[in-house]
């Protein structure tokens, strides 16, 4: 299948990865990062909103995709429906904890 732009992305070609929001559906972005990695493709720029910004920030901070996948698989239904409580969602807490534990990366 030919890309819409007519240009194939190769490991040498620069590209920007845009990750959207969408709540838990945004965890699919982890699979996108895995697929890019398997093909040797690394975006020059990653931008995102909502969950996409959290996934993109974790990736940019050096969190391995396999760790993100493992963390995402740990989310349970009860975790999702605790949103009404006055606290940060678990993904944001996880990212903030990673940043605090690895200040030299920032």
C-alpha atoms as a PDB file:
ATOM      1  CA  UNK A   1       0.000   0.000   0.000  1.00  0.00           C
ATOM      2  CA  UNK A   2       1.405   3.355  -1.066  1.00  0.00           C
ATOM      3  CA  UNK A   3       1.547   6.152   1.558  1.00  0.00           C
ATOM      4  CA  UNK A   4      -0.893   8.986   0.830  1.00  0.00           C
ATOM      5  CA  UNK A   5       1.905  11.499   0.380  1.00  0.00           C
ATOM      6  CA  UNK A   6       3.701   9.249  -2.076  1.00  0.00           C
ATOM      7  CA  UNK A   7       6.842   9.235   0.088  1.00  0.00           C
ATOM      8  CA  UNK A   8       7.869   6.243   2.154  1.00  0.00           C
ATOM      9  CA  UNK A   9       9.330   6.873   5.592  1.00  0.00           C
ATOM     10  CA  UNK A  10      12.794   5.386   5.968  1.00  0.00           C
ATOM     11  CA  UNK A  11      15.087   5.329   9.011  1.00  0.00           C
ATOM     12  CA  UNK A  12      16.952   8.292   7.485  1.00  0.00           C
ATOM     13  CA  UNK A  13      13.913  10.467   6.769  1.00  0.00           C
ATOM     14  CA  UNK A  14      12.826  12.982   9.414  1.00  0.00           C
ATOM     15  CA  UNK A  15       9.227  12.845  10.618  1.00  0.00           C
ATOM     16  CA  UNK A  16       7.034  14.093  13.436  1.00  0.00           C
ATOM     17  CA  UNK A  17       4.873  11.734  15.472  1.00  0.00           C
ATOM     18  CA  UNK A  18       1.550  13.222  16.625  1.00  0.00           C
ATOM     19  CA  UNK A  19      -0.220  11.430  19.485  1.00  0.00           C
ATOM     20  CA  UNK A  20      -3.808  12.317  20.300  1.00  0.00           C
ATOM     21  CA  UNK A  21      -5.943  12.158  23.404  1.00  0.00           C
ATOM     22  CA  UNK A  22      -8.767   9.743  23.968  1.00  0.00           C
ATOM     23  CA  UNK A  23      -8.442   8.404  27.483  1.00  0.00           C
ATOM     24  CA  UNK A  24      -7.459   4.777  27.760  1.00  0.00           C
ATOM     25  CA  UNK A  25      -7.715   4.369  23.985  1.00  0.00           C
ATOM     26  CA  UNK A  26      -4.585   6.512  23.925  1.00  0.00           C
ATOM     27  CA  UNK A  27      -2.625   3.601  25.355  1.00  0.00           C
ATOM     28  CA  UNK A  28      -2.641   2.304  21.764  1.00  0.00           C
ATOM     29  CA  UNK A  29       0.103   4.874  21.170  1.00  0.00           C
ATOM     30  CA  UNK A  30       2.454   2.510  22.988  1.00  0.00           C
ATOM     31  CA  UNK A  31       1.862  -0.013  20.204  1.00  0.00           C
ATOM     32  CA  UNK A  32       2.647   2.670  17.626  1.00  0.00           C
ATOM     33  CA  UNK A  33       5.969   3.364  19.346  1.00  0.00           C
ATOM     34  CA  UNK A  34       6.726  -0.380  19.405  1.00  0.00           C
ATOM     35  CA  UNK A  35       5.921  -0.714  15.690  1.00  0.00           C
ATOM     36  CA  UNK A  36       8.152   2.246  14.822  1.00  0.00           C
ATOM     37  CA  UNK A  37      10.968   0.806  16.935  1.00  0.00           C
ATOM     38  CA  UNK A  38      10.661  -2.596  15.237  1.00  0.00           C
ATOM     39  CA  UNK A  39      11.104  -0.852  11.886  1.00  0.00           C
ATOM     40  CA  UNK A  40      14.066   1.221  13.036  1.00  0.00           C
ATOM     41  CA  UNK A  41      12.108   4.473  12.769  1.00  0.00           C
ATOM     42  CA  UNK A  42      12.714   7.223  15.320  1.00  0.00           C
ATOM     43  CA  UNK A  43      10.677  10.429  15.161  1.00  0.00           C
ATOM     44  CA  UNK A  44      12.560  13.719  15.256  1.00  0.00           C
ATOM     45  CA  UNK A  45       9.721  15.352  17.131  1.00  0.00           C
ATOM     46  CA  UNK A  46       6.880  13.949  19.237  1.00  0.00           C
ATOM     47  CA  UNK A  47       3.828  16.057  20.063  1.00  0.00           C
ATOM     48  CA  UNK A  48       0.648  15.044  21.799  1.00  0.00           C
ATOM     49  CA  UNK A  49      -2.394  16.008  23.771  1.00  0.00           C
ATOM     50  CA  UNK A  50      -3.857  14.443  26.890  1.00  0.00           C
ATOM     51  CA  UNK A  51      -2.802  10.766  27.142  1.00  0.00           C
ATOM     52  CA  UNK A  52      -0.774  11.230  23.954  1.00  0.00           C
ATOM     53  CA  UNK A  53       1.341  13.870  25.665  1.00  0.00           C
ATOM     54  CA  UNK A  54       1.964  11.553  28.633  1.00  0.00           C
ATOM     55  CA  UNK A  55       2.988   8.635  26.398  1.00  0.00           C
ATOM     56  CA  UNK A  56       5.132  10.929  24.245  1.00  0.00           C
ATOM     57  CA  UNK A  57       6.798  12.510  27.289  1.00  0.00           C
ATOM     58  CA  UNK A  58       7.558   9.111  28.806  1.00  0.00           C
ATOM     59  CA  UNK A  59       9.092   7.937  25.518  1.00  0.00           C
ATOM     60  CA  UNK A  60      11.102  11.165  25.134  1.00  0.00           C
ATOM     61  CA  UNK A  61      12.344  10.751  28.716  1.00  0.00           C
ATOM     62  CA  UNK A  62      13.741   7.349  27.835  1.00  0.00           C
ATOM     63  CA  UNK A  63      11.134   5.029  29.328  1.00  0.00           C
ATOM     64  CA  UNK A  64      11.463   1.782  27.351  1.00  0.00           C
ATOM     65  CA  UNK A  65       8.368   0.810  25.377  1.00  0.00           C
ATOM     66  CA  UNK A  66       8.316  -2.597  27.086  1.00  0.00           C
ATOM     67  CA  UNK A  67       8.039  -0.835  30.472  1.00  0.00           C
ATOM     68  CA  UNK A  68       5.172   1.310  29.212  1.00  0.00           C
ATOM     69  CA  UNK A  69       3.442  -1.821  27.892  1.00  0.00           C
ATOM     70  CA  UNK A  70       3.882  -3.614  31.210  1.00  0.00           C
ATOM     71  CA  UNK A  71       2.530  -0.620  33.131  1.00  0.00           C
ATOM     72  CA  UNK A  72      -0.458  -0.283  30.787  1.00  0.00           C
ATOM     73  CA  UNK A  73      -1.312  -3.968  31.249  1.00  0.00           C
ATOM     74  CA  UNK A  74      -1.465  -3.404  35.007  1.00  0.00           C
ATOM     75  CA  UNK A  75      -4.367  -0.930  34.712  1.00  0.00           C
ATOM     76  CA  UNK A  76      -7.611  -2.481  35.952  1.00  0.00           C
ATOM     77  CA  UNK A  77     -11.213  -1.406  35.568  1.00  0.00           C
ATOM     78  CA  UNK A  78     -11.307  -0.131  39.167  1.00  0.00           C
ATOM     79  CA  UNK A  79      -8.331   2.157  38.384  1.00  0.00           C
ATOM     80  CA  UNK A  80     -10.198   3.754  35.494  1.00  0.00           C
ATOM     81  CA  UNK A  81     -13.339   4.560  37.456  1.00  0.00           C
ATOM     82  CA  UNK A  82     -11.507   6.336  40.266  1.00  0.00           C
ATOM     83  CA  UNK A  83     -11.345   9.446  38.082  1.00  0.00           C
ATOM     84  CA  UNK A  84     -13.900  11.269  40.242  1.00  0.00           C
ATOM     85  CA  UNK A  85     -11.476  11.286  43.162  1.00  0.00           C
ATOM     86  CA  UNK A  86      -9.356  14.446  43.491  1.00  0.00           C
ATOM     87  CA  UNK A  87      -6.090  12.895  42.351  1.00  0.00           C
ATOM     88  CA  UNK A  88      -3.952  12.675  39.248  1.00  0.00           C
ATOM     89  CA  UNK A  89      -4.678   9.736  36.926  1.00  0.00           C
ATOM     90  CA  UNK A  90      -2.250   6.866  37.460  1.00  0.00           C
ATOM     91  CA  UNK A  91      -0.453   7.483  34.151  1.00  0.00           C
ATOM     92  CA  UNK A  92       0.348  11.054  35.171  1.00  0.00           C
ATOM     93  CA  UNK A  93       1.510   9.921  38.630  1.00  0.00           C
ATOM     94  CA  UNK A  94       3.729   7.292  37.043  1.00  0.00           C
ATOM     95  CA  UNK A  95       5.289   9.840  34.691  1.00  0.00           C
ATOM     96  CA  UNK A  96       5.857  12.385  37.451  1.00  0.00           C
ATOM     97  CA  UNK A  97       7.449   9.699  39.624  1.00  0.00           C
ATOM     98  CA  UNK A  98       9.763   8.727  36.737  1.00  0.00           C
ATOM     99  CA  UNK A  99      10.793  12.347  36.203  1.00  0.00           C
ATOM    100  CA  UNK A 100      11.470  12.828  39.917  1.00  0.00           C
ATOM    101  CA  UNK A 101      13.539   9.656  40.044  1.00  0.00           C
ATOM    102  CA  UNK A 102      15.563  10.583  36.941  1.00  0.00           C
ATOM    103  CA  UNK A 103      16.220  14.343  37.112  1.00  0.00           C
ATOM    104  CA  UNK A 104      19.422  14.082  35.089  1.00  0.00           C
ATOM    105  CA  UNK A 105      17.370  13.221  31.987  1.00  0.00           C
ATOM    106  CA  UNK A 106      15.640  16.605  32.067  1.00  0.00           C
END
